Structure formats: C-alpha cells, structure tokens
Amino acid sequence: MSEQKTASFGFRDVPEAEKEGLVREVFSSVAARYDLMNDLMSAGVHRIWKDAMVEWLNPRPGWKCLDVAGGTGDIAFRIAQMARSRGGEADITVCDINAQMLGEGVRRAAEKSETAIQWVCGDAEKLPVPDSSFDAYTIAFGIRNVTHIDQALREARRVLKPGGRFICLEFSKVEVPGLDTLYDAYSFKLMPKMGGLVAGDAESYRYLAESIRRFPPQAEFARMITDAGLSRVTIRNLSGGIAAMHSAWRI
C-alpha cells in the first residue's frame, strides 16, 4: 500500500486532500477583519509593500490583469488606480478560492464605486480562465497557502500571454542579522495574541505565522518559478527580507 501524500499546514503535516479545506476555514474565520489585522500586525507596512509591488508591475491602460488569492481587493484596487493615472482602464479579474474573502472585496468595491474589477471564485491550482489570456499575473501573500506551489506556478505561466509578467509578493526569509530573532518572537508570541483579541481567532494567526516559516526562502522559490517555465526571475527584498517580491516573465 502506498504512503498517503501529505502537505504542510503550518508546522503540521496533514493529508494533501485536507489542506485546502483547512486553509479555507482559516480565511473564512478571519475574512471580516483581515485588512484590519494586516494594518495592526504590520503597523501599516503591508500597504507600502503592496504599493511597491504594483509600482514594479507598472500596469498600463488596456492590460488584462489577474490577481490570484486577492479576495479583499488590495492589489486590484491599486492596479485600477495606477492604470487610471496613466489615462485609461485596466481589465482586472480577482480570483480567490474563498467566498468570504471575495465577499469582502465585492463590498469594498461597492463602497469605492469601483466597477473595473471582476470577482471569480476559483482555485490557484486550476484557474478558471483560458490559456494565454492575461498581460499580468499577481499574487500577494497567497501562494504559501496553496497545496501544490509548483502547480500554482505552472498555472500562472499557462494563463499569461507571451511577454506577460508574473509578480509574487510573499513573506520570506529575514536576511538581516538580529532581525530574525525579533521577528520570530513577534510572530509566535504577539501575532496569535492579537488574532485572539481583534479577530477572535488566535489559532488562525498561529497557522499564518507557521506557514511563513515553512515557505521556501528567496533563492529556492526563484528556482521553483524557473522550473515552472517562467524566465528572467528577479528578487527584491522588502524590510530586510521579512517580505520579498519575485518577478518573472513568460517568454
């Protein structure tokens, strides 16, 4: 009898078939306060990181952009705003596997009277969009939560047009001596406490901290992007490596 395949869920290994449901529960639980918690946990720095991501993408009017695992719309709203600042509209699709997170994005879009974004419920490993259909693929703080990162990367290549741009923003490996110790203490002691107090869910924030530590460091993730068939991989660290951006192209 063959051994059952497993996937990491924080510091635990769980059956592959169970991970998606467990991750879905985490984000369903925190969806309503997700953006507030991001502000509290990063002292607002996540906004600077997301701005840097979209500035590096440099979206243009007329582009078709796919933002994966972007349910609350943070990246999509920035892309729409930057395209307008250049004199036109971008055609943006947000795809997220979690209906509650998408619901938050739709609610925020209504508040902003934002109509340039389409909202689609779908899996990063099986994107419900045609081959070679997007100029840009973005994913921020989402790829570490998929069961098969390599499959999600292959899907990114599949849906990009030749010449299309891939950018991923994700927590990464701290590269500043001393900062890693402080960051560990913050992640494993303060984050769950804040999650319990503000979002009423300490366990979900404990998982989020653990999932960051299980994610491949910068160079290893860059190799995975190359192995998926994307080219010209470039890395930019943010805040000493607490987060990192990886850019690549479909040639």
C-alpha atoms as a PDB file:
ATOM      1  CA  MET A   1       0.000   0.000   0.000  1.00  0.00           C
ATOM      2  CA  SER A   2       1.430   3.397  -0.977  1.00  0.00           C
ATOM      3  CA  GLU A   3       2.031   6.044   1.652  1.00  0.00           C
ATOM      4  CA  GLN A   4      -0.514   8.831   1.917  1.00  0.00           C
ATOM      5  CA  LYS A   5       0.769  12.120   0.494  1.00  0.00           C
ATOM      6  CA  THR A   6       0.945  15.000   2.945  1.00  0.00           C
ATOM      7  CA  ALA A   7       1.193  18.789   2.764  1.00  0.00           C
ATOM      8  CA  SER A   8       2.334  21.321   5.336  1.00  0.00           C
ATOM      9  CA  PHE A   9      -0.302  23.166   7.320  1.00  0.00           C
ATOM     10  CA  GLY A  10       1.783  25.435   9.478  1.00  0.00           C
ATOM     11  CA  PHE A  11       4.189  23.225  11.391  1.00  0.00           C
ATOM     12  CA  ARG A  12       1.918  20.197  10.959  1.00  0.00           C
ATOM     13  CA  ASP A  13       1.836  17.813   8.043  1.00  0.00           C
ATOM     14  CA  VAL A  14      -1.712  16.912   7.045  1.00  0.00           C
ATOM     15  CA  PRO A  15      -3.124  14.703   4.266  1.00  0.00           C
ATOM     16  CA  GLU A  16      -2.959  16.614   0.962  1.00  0.00           C
ATOM     17  CA  ALA A  17      -6.684  16.272   0.467  1.00  0.00           C
ATOM     18  CA  GLU A  18      -7.375  18.058   3.765  1.00  0.00           C
ATOM     19  CA  LYS A  19      -5.141  21.125   3.381  1.00  0.00           C
ATOM     20  CA  GLU A  20      -7.420  23.112   1.087  1.00  0.00           C
ATOM     21  CA  GLY A  21     -10.347  22.796   3.481  1.00  0.00           C
ATOM     22  CA  LEU A  22      -8.215  23.737   6.490  1.00  0.00           C
ATOM     23  CA  VAL A  23      -6.871  26.845   4.729  1.00  0.00           C
ATOM     24  CA  ARG A  24     -10.393  27.744   3.637  1.00  0.00           C
ATOM     25  CA  GLU A  25     -11.526  27.605   7.290  1.00  0.00           C
ATOM     26  CA  VAL A  26      -8.691  29.922   8.347  1.00  0.00           C
ATOM     27  CA  PHE A  27      -9.577  32.634   5.856  1.00  0.00           C
ATOM     28  CA  SER A  28     -13.319  32.255   6.307  1.00  0.00           C
ATOM     29  CA  SER A  29     -12.749  32.848  10.007  1.00  0.00           C
ATOM     30  CA  VAL A  30     -10.645  35.999   9.606  1.00  0.00           C
ATOM     31  CA  ALA A  31     -12.149  37.497   6.413  1.00  0.00           C
ATOM     32  CA  ALA A  32     -14.179  40.266   8.065  1.00  0.00           C
ATOM     33  CA  ARG A  33     -11.165  41.596   9.988  1.00  0.00           C
ATOM     34  CA  TYR A  34      -8.399  40.538   7.642  1.00  0.00           C
ATOM     35  CA  ASP A  35      -7.446  44.026   6.452  1.00  0.00           C
ATOM     36  CA  LEU A  36      -7.663  45.495   9.960  1.00  0.00           C
ATOM     37  CA  MET A  37      -5.389  42.746  11.247  1.00  0.00           C
ATOM     38  CA  ASN A  38      -2.914  43.372   8.424  1.00  0.00           C
ATOM     39  CA  ASP A  39      -2.727  47.020   9.485  1.00  0.00           C
ATOM     40  CA  LEU A  40      -2.288  46.162  13.154  1.00  0.00           C
ATOM     41  CA  MET A  41       0.234  43.365  12.642  1.00  0.00           C
ATOM     42  CA  SER A  42       2.447  45.292  10.225  1.00  0.00           C
ATOM     43  CA  ALA A  43       1.864  48.812  11.591  1.00  0.00           C
ATOM     44  CA  GLY A  44       0.621  49.601   8.102  1.00  0.00           C
ATOM     45  CA  VAL A  45       3.835  48.465   6.386  1.00  0.00           C
ATOM     46  CA  HIS A  46       1.917  45.921   4.280  1.00  0.00           C
ATOM     47  CA  ARG A  47       0.455  48.895   2.410  1.00  0.00           C
ATOM     48  CA  ILE A  48       3.961  50.096   1.490  1.00  0.00           C
ATOM     49  CA  TRP A  49       4.872  46.587   0.302  1.00  0.00           C
ATOM     50  CA  LYS A  50       1.738  46.358  -1.857  1.00  0.00           C
ATOM     51  CA  ASP A  51       2.393  49.811  -3.300  1.00  0.00           C
ATOM     52  CA  ALA A  52       5.927  48.683  -4.174  1.00  0.00           C
ATOM     53  CA  MET A  53       4.565  45.567  -5.873  1.00  0.00           C
ATOM     54  CA  VAL A  54       2.157  47.471  -8.099  1.00  0.00           C
ATOM     55  CA  GLU A  55       4.743  50.171  -8.855  1.00  0.00           C
ATOM     56  CA  TRP A  56       7.142  47.433 -10.016  1.00  0.00           C
ATOM     57  CA  LEU A  57       4.369  45.872 -12.117  1.00  0.00           C
ATOM     58  CA  ASN A  58       3.715  49.297 -13.688  1.00  0.00           C
ATOM     59  CA  PRO A  59       0.287  48.395 -15.145  1.00  0.00           C
ATOM     60  CA  ARG A  60      -0.901  50.162 -18.281  1.00  0.00           C
ATOM     61  CA  PRO A  61      -4.352  51.043 -19.597  1.00  0.00           C
ATOM     62  CA  GLY A  62      -5.789  48.180 -21.599  1.00  0.00           C
ATOM     63  CA  TRP A  63      -3.884  45.472 -19.748  1.00  0.00           C
ATOM     64  CA  LYS A  64      -5.691  42.336 -18.677  1.00  0.00           C
ATOM     65  CA  CYS A  65      -4.581  41.575 -15.123  1.00  0.00           C
ATOM     66  CA  LEU A  66      -5.296  38.515 -12.987  1.00  0.00           C
ATOM     67  CA  ASP A  67      -4.868  38.893  -9.233  1.00  0.00           C
ATOM     68  CA  VAL A  68      -4.912  35.466  -7.578  1.00  0.00           C
ATOM     69  CA  ALA A  69      -5.755  34.934  -3.903  1.00  0.00           C
ATOM     70  CA  GLY A  70      -6.583  38.637  -3.771  1.00  0.00           C
ATOM     71  CA  GLY A  71     -10.081  38.385  -2.360  1.00  0.00           C
ATOM     72  CA  THR A  72     -10.259  41.650  -0.437  1.00  0.00           C
ATOM     73  CA  GLY A  73      -9.070  43.608  -3.469  1.00  0.00           C
ATOM     74  CA  ASP A  74      -5.980  45.345  -2.078  1.00  0.00           C
ATOM     75  CA  ILE A  75      -3.837  44.687  -5.160  1.00  0.00           C
ATOM     76  CA  ALA A  76      -6.673  45.012  -7.677  1.00  0.00           C
ATOM     77  CA  PHE A  77      -7.683  48.458  -6.395  1.00  0.00           C
ATOM     78  CA  ARG A  78      -4.088  49.629  -6.689  1.00  0.00           C
ATOM     79  CA  ILE A  79      -3.780  48.311 -10.250  1.00  0.00           C
ATOM     80  CA  ALA A  80      -7.022  50.048 -11.242  1.00  0.00           C
ATOM     81  CA  GLN A  81      -5.853  53.330  -9.719  1.00  0.00           C
ATOM     82  CA  MET A  82      -2.439  53.222 -11.392  1.00  0.00           C
ATOM     83  CA  ALA A  83      -3.909  52.415 -14.808  1.00  0.00           C
ATOM     84  CA  ARG A  84      -6.279  55.376 -14.463  1.00  0.00           C
ATOM     85  CA  SER A  85      -3.394  57.635 -13.509  1.00  0.00           C
ATOM     86  CA  ARG A  86      -1.973  56.776 -16.930  1.00  0.00           C
ATOM     87  CA  GLY A  87      -5.143  57.759 -18.733  1.00  0.00           C
ATOM     88  CA  GLY A  88      -7.251  54.616 -19.032  1.00  0.00           C
ATOM     89  CA  GLU A  89      -8.683  51.455 -17.525  1.00  0.00           C
ATOM     90  CA  ALA A  90      -7.147  48.056 -16.866  1.00  0.00           C
ATOM     91  CA  ASP A  91      -9.303  44.934 -17.174  1.00  0.00           C
ATOM     92  CA  ILE A  92      -8.831  43.254 -13.775  1.00  0.00           C
ATOM     93  CA  THR A  93     -10.005  39.860 -12.536  1.00  0.00           C
ATOM     94  CA  VAL A  94      -9.646  38.837  -8.905  1.00  0.00           C
ATOM     95  CA  CYS A  95      -9.664  35.077  -8.365  1.00  0.00           C
ATOM     96  CA  ASP A  96      -9.853  33.677  -4.840  1.00  0.00           C
ATOM     97  CA  ILE A  97     -10.855  30.247  -3.578  1.00  0.00           C
ATOM     98  CA  ASN A  98     -12.548  31.693  -0.504  1.00  0.00           C
ATOM     99  CA  ALA A  99     -16.048  33.105  -0.955  1.00  0.00           C
ATOM    100  CA  GLN A 100     -15.918  35.094   2.290  1.00  0.00           C
ATOM    101  CA  MET A 101     -12.736  36.888   1.250  1.00  0.00           C
ATOM    102  CA  LEU A 102     -14.258  37.644  -2.154  1.00  0.00           C
ATOM    103  CA  GLY A 103     -17.340  38.966  -0.395  1.00  0.00           C
ATOM    104  CA  GLU A 104     -15.171  41.470   1.461  1.00  0.00           C
ATOM    105  CA  GLY A 105     -13.645  42.576  -1.832  1.00  0.00           C
ATOM    106  CA  VAL A 106     -17.031  42.997  -3.507  1.00  0.00           C
ATOM    107  CA  ARG A 107     -18.249  45.010  -0.509  1.00  0.00           C
ATOM    108  CA  ARG A 108     -15.216  47.276  -0.624  1.00  0.00           C
ATOM    109  CA  ALA A 109     -15.567  47.726  -4.402  1.00  0.00           C
ATOM    110  CA  ALA A 110     -19.170  48.850  -3.906  1.00  0.00           C
ATOM    111  CA  GLU A 111     -18.053  51.374  -1.275  1.00  0.00           C
ATOM    112  CA  LYS A 112     -15.462  52.743  -3.717  1.00  0.00           C
ATOM    113  CA  SER A 113     -17.851  52.612  -6.720  1.00  0.00           C
ATOM    114  CA  GLU A 114     -15.166  50.518  -8.392  1.00  0.00           C
ATOM    115  CA  THR A 115     -16.516  48.766 -11.482  1.00  0.00           C
ATOM    116  CA  ALA A 116     -13.325  47.783 -13.346  1.00  0.00           C
ATOM    117  CA  ILE A 117     -12.869  44.546 -11.374  1.00  0.00           C
ATOM    118  CA  GLN A 118     -14.431  41.137 -11.929  1.00  0.00           C
ATOM    119  CA  TRP A 119     -14.639  38.743  -8.990  1.00  0.00           C
ATOM    120  CA  VAL A 120     -14.266  34.991  -9.580  1.00  0.00           C
ATOM    121  CA  CYS A 121     -14.228  32.109  -7.107  1.00  0.00           C
ATOM    122  CA  GLY A 122     -11.531  29.689  -8.204  1.00  0.00           C
ATOM    123  CA  ASP A 123      -8.505  27.613  -7.257  1.00  0.00           C
ATOM    124  CA  ALA A 124      -4.957  28.883  -7.902  1.00  0.00           C
ATOM    125  CA  GLU A 125      -4.024  25.343  -8.960  1.00  0.00           C
ATOM    126  CA  LYS A 126      -6.875  25.115 -11.504  1.00  0.00           C
ATOM    127  CA  LEU A 127      -7.592  28.664 -12.630  1.00  0.00           C
ATOM    128  CA  PRO A 128     -10.969  29.026 -14.384  1.00  0.00           C
ATOM    129  CA  VAL A 129      -9.533  31.200 -17.178  1.00  0.00           C
ATOM    130  CA  PRO A 130      -8.241  30.459 -20.719  1.00  0.00           C
ATOM    131  CA  ASP A 131      -4.644  29.889 -21.756  1.00  0.00           C
ATOM    132  CA  SER A 132      -2.522  32.903 -22.703  1.00  0.00           C
ATOM    133  CA  SER A 133      -5.187  35.421 -21.732  1.00  0.00           C
ATOM    134  CA  PHE A 134      -3.526  37.887 -19.317  1.00  0.00           C
ATOM    135  CA  ASP A 135      -0.813  40.518 -19.543  1.00  0.00           C
ATOM    136  CA  ALA A 136      -0.065  40.261 -15.823  1.00  0.00           C
ATOM    137  CA  TYR A 137      -0.493  37.727 -13.028  1.00  0.00           C
ATOM    138  CA  THR A 138      -0.148  38.957  -9.451  1.00  0.00           C
ATOM    139  CA  ILE A 139      -0.395  37.118  -6.146  1.00  0.00           C
ATOM    140  CA  ALA A 140       0.246  38.724  -2.741  1.00  0.00           C
ATOM    141  CA  PHE A 141       0.557  36.714   0.464  1.00  0.00           C
ATOM    142  CA  GLY A 142      -1.361  33.825  -1.074  1.00  0.00           C
ATOM    143  CA  ILE A 143       0.949  31.343  -2.728  1.00  0.00           C
ATOM    144  CA  ARG A 144       2.274  29.882   0.514  1.00  0.00           C
ATOM    145  CA  ASN A 145      -1.268  28.703   1.331  1.00  0.00           C
ATOM    146  CA  VAL A 146      -1.789  26.559  -1.772  1.00  0.00           C
ATOM    147  CA  THR A 147      -1.290  22.807  -1.513  1.00  0.00           C
ATOM    148  CA  HIS A 148       0.992  22.457  -4.558  1.00  0.00           C
ATOM    149  CA  ILE A 149       3.041  25.614  -5.113  1.00  0.00           C
ATOM    150  CA  ASP A 150       4.628  24.145  -8.253  1.00  0.00           C
ATOM    151  CA  GLN A 151       1.207  23.573  -9.815  1.00  0.00           C
ATOM    152  CA  ALA A 152       0.082  27.133  -8.983  1.00  0.00           C
ATOM    153  CA  LEU A 153       3.230  28.450 -10.698  1.00  0.00           C
ATOM    154  CA  ARG A 154       2.579  26.337 -13.793  1.00  0.00           C
ATOM    155  CA  GLU A 155      -0.947  27.748 -13.885  1.00  0.00           C
ATOM    156  CA  ALA A 156       0.496  31.261 -13.725  1.00  0.00           C
ATOM    157  CA  ARG A 157       2.583  30.525 -16.809  1.00  0.00           C
ATOM    158  CA  ARG A 158      -0.368  28.911 -18.595  1.00  0.00           C
ATOM    159  CA  VAL A 159      -2.671  31.918 -18.268  1.00  0.00           C
ATOM    160  CA  LEU A 160      -0.062  34.559 -19.150  1.00  0.00           C
ATOM    161  CA  LYS A 161       0.289  35.795 -22.700  1.00  0.00           C
ATOM    162  CA  PRO A 162       3.752  35.504 -24.259  1.00  0.00           C
ATOM    163  CA  GLY A 163       5.560  38.537 -22.860  1.00  0.00           C
ATOM    164  CA  GLY A 164       3.266  38.571 -19.824  1.00  0.00           C
ATOM    165  CA  ARG A 165       4.530  39.493 -16.353  1.00  0.00           C
ATOM    166  CA  PHE A 166       4.382  37.467 -13.118  1.00  0.00           C
ATOM    167  CA  ILE A 167       4.854  39.173  -9.754  1.00  0.00           C
ATOM    168  CA  CYS A 168       4.535  37.494  -6.371  1.00  0.00           C
ATOM    169  CA  LEU A 169       4.710  39.292  -3.016  1.00  0.00           C
ATOM    170  CA  GLU A 170       5.171  36.915  -0.114  1.00  0.00           C
ATOM    171  CA  PHE A 171       6.653  36.706   3.352  1.00  0.00           C
ATOM    172  CA  SER A 172      10.169  35.343   3.084  1.00  0.00           C
ATOM    173  CA  LYS A 173      13.402  34.672   4.947  1.00  0.00           C
ATOM    174  CA  VAL A 174      14.799  37.545   7.015  1.00  0.00           C
ATOM    175  CA  GLU A 175      18.345  38.320   5.894  1.00  0.00           C
ATOM    176  CA  VAL A 176      19.325  40.970   8.449  1.00  0.00           C
ATOM    177  CA  PRO A 177      21.243  39.545  11.442  1.00  0.00           C
ATOM    178  CA  GLY A 178      19.319  40.034  14.682  1.00  0.00           C
ATOM    179  CA  LEU A 179      16.087  40.986  12.966  1.00  0.00           C
ATOM    180  CA  ASP A 180      15.206  37.313  12.533  1.00  0.00           C
ATOM    181  CA  THR A 181      15.193  36.751  16.320  1.00  0.00           C
ATOM    182  CA  LEU A 182      12.958  39.741  16.950  1.00  0.00           C
ATOM    183  CA  TYR A 183      10.646  38.715  14.108  1.00  0.00           C
ATOM    184  CA  ASP A 184      10.312  35.168  15.476  1.00  0.00           C
ATOM    185  CA  ALA A 185       9.368  36.485  18.906  1.00  0.00           C
ATOM    186  CA  TYR A 186       6.797  38.800  17.374  1.00  0.00           C
ATOM    187  CA  SER A 187       5.346  36.151  15.050  1.00  0.00           C
ATOM    188  CA  PHE A 188       4.894  33.361  17.554  1.00  0.00           C
ATOM    189  CA  LYS A 189       4.019  35.342  20.680  1.00  0.00           C
ATOM    190  CA  LEU A 190       2.301  38.579  19.670  1.00  0.00           C
ATOM    191  CA  MET A 191       0.581  37.621  16.407  1.00  0.00           C
ATOM    192  CA  PRO A 192      -1.619  34.870  17.900  1.00  0.00           C
ATOM    193  CA  LYS A 193      -2.494  37.094  20.868  1.00  0.00           C
ATOM    194  CA  MET A 194      -3.529  39.937  18.575  1.00  0.00           C
ATOM    195  CA  GLY A 195      -5.501  37.500  16.432  1.00  0.00           C
ATOM    196  CA  GLY A 196      -7.361  36.327  19.506  1.00  0.00           C
ATOM    197  CA  LEU A 197      -8.122  39.818  20.750  1.00  0.00           C
ATOM    198  CA  VAL A 198      -9.080  41.510  17.467  1.00  0.00           C
ATOM    199  CA  ALA A 199     -10.298  38.701  15.200  1.00  0.00           C
ATOM    200  CA  GLY A 200     -11.360  36.249  17.906  1.00  0.00           C
ATOM    201  CA  ASP A 201      -9.137  33.562  16.377  1.00  0.00           C
ATOM    202  CA  ALA A 202      -5.658  33.023  17.802  1.00  0.00           C
ATOM    203  CA  GLU A 203      -5.207  29.644  16.099  1.00  0.00           C
ATOM    204  CA  SER A 204      -5.619  31.012  12.577  1.00  0.00           C
ATOM    205  CA  TYR A 205      -2.907  33.588  13.211  1.00  0.00           C
ATOM    206  CA  ARG A 206      -0.668  30.933  14.718  1.00  0.00           C
ATOM    207  CA  TYR A 207      -1.080  28.981  11.466  1.00  0.00           C
ATOM    208  CA  LEU A 208      -0.281  32.084   9.396  1.00  0.00           C
ATOM    209  CA  ALA A 209       2.958  32.629  11.329  1.00  0.00           C
ATOM    210  CA  GLU A 210       3.926  28.974  10.968  1.00  0.00           C
ATOM    211  CA  SER A 211       3.123  28.928   7.250  1.00  0.00           C
ATOM    212  CA  ILE A 212       5.571  31.796   6.719  1.00  0.00           C
ATOM    213  CA  ARG A 213       8.386  29.736   8.238  1.00  0.00           C
ATOM    214  CA  ARG A 214       7.562  26.723   6.065  1.00  0.00           C
ATOM    215  CA  PHE A 215       7.652  28.757   2.841  1.00  0.00           C
ATOM    216  CA  PRO A 216      10.813  28.375   0.698  1.00  0.00           C
ATOM    217  CA  PRO A 217      13.452  31.109   1.055  1.00  0.00           C
ATOM    218  CA  GLN A 218      14.039  33.580  -1.758  1.00  0.00           C
ATOM    219  CA  ALA A 219      16.541  31.665  -3.917  1.00  0.00           C
ATOM    220  CA  GLU A 220      14.688  28.360  -3.625  1.00  0.00           C
ATOM    221  CA  PHE A 221      11.385  29.961  -4.595  1.00  0.00           C
ATOM    222  CA  ALA A 222      13.113  31.629  -7.554  1.00  0.00           C
ATOM    223  CA  ARG A 223      14.238  28.184  -8.751  1.00  0.00           C
ATOM    224  CA  MET A 224      10.660  26.911  -8.462  1.00  0.00           C
ATOM    225  CA  ILE A 225       9.459  29.799 -10.645  1.00  0.00           C
ATOM    226  CA  THR A 226      12.083  28.934 -13.263  1.00  0.00           C
ATOM    227  CA  ASP A 227      11.177  25.246 -13.109  1.00  0.00           C
ATOM    228  CA  ALA A 228       7.551  26.203 -13.848  1.00  0.00           C
ATOM    229  CA  GLY A 229       8.660  27.643 -17.189  1.00  0.00           C
ATOM    230  CA  LEU A 230       8.883  31.356 -16.354  1.00  0.00           C
ATOM    231  CA  SER A 231      12.003  33.326 -17.232  1.00  0.00           C
ATOM    232  CA  ARG A 232      14.183  36.232 -16.094  1.00  0.00           C
ATOM    233  CA  VAL A 233      13.401  35.813 -12.401  1.00  0.00           C
ATOM    234  CA  THR A 234      14.338  38.830 -10.274  1.00  0.00           C
ATOM    235  CA  ILE A 235      14.091  39.170  -6.484  1.00  0.00           C
ATOM    236  CA  ARG A 236      13.585  42.322  -4.429  1.00  0.00           C
ATOM    237  CA  ASN A 237      13.668  42.061  -0.646  1.00  0.00           C
ATOM    238  CA  LEU A 238      11.465  44.299   1.481  1.00  0.00           C
ATOM    239  CA  SER A 239      12.127  45.242   5.113  1.00  0.00           C
ATOM    240  CA  GLY A 240      15.255  43.122   5.361  1.00  0.00           C
ATOM    241  CA  GLY A 241      13.636  40.064   3.811  1.00  0.00           C
ATOM    242  CA  ILE A 242      10.536  39.937   6.004  1.00  0.00           C
ATOM    243  CA  ALA A 243       8.799  40.025   2.642  1.00  0.00           C
ATOM    244  CA  ALA A 244      10.126  39.592  -0.875  1.00  0.00           C
ATOM    245  CA  MET A 245       8.898  40.211  -4.396  1.00  0.00           C
ATOM    246  CA  HIS A 246       9.667  37.789  -7.220  1.00  0.00           C
ATOM    247  CA  SER A 247       9.200  38.981 -10.800  1.00  0.00           C
ATOM    248  CA  ALA A 248       9.323  36.791 -13.898  1.00  0.00           C
ATOM    249  CA  TRP A 249       8.132  36.719 -17.493  1.00  0.00           C
ATOM    250  CA  ARG A 250       6.508  34.275 -19.838  1.00  0.00           C
ATOM    251  CA  ILE A 251       8.788  34.275 -22.883  1.00  0.00           C
END
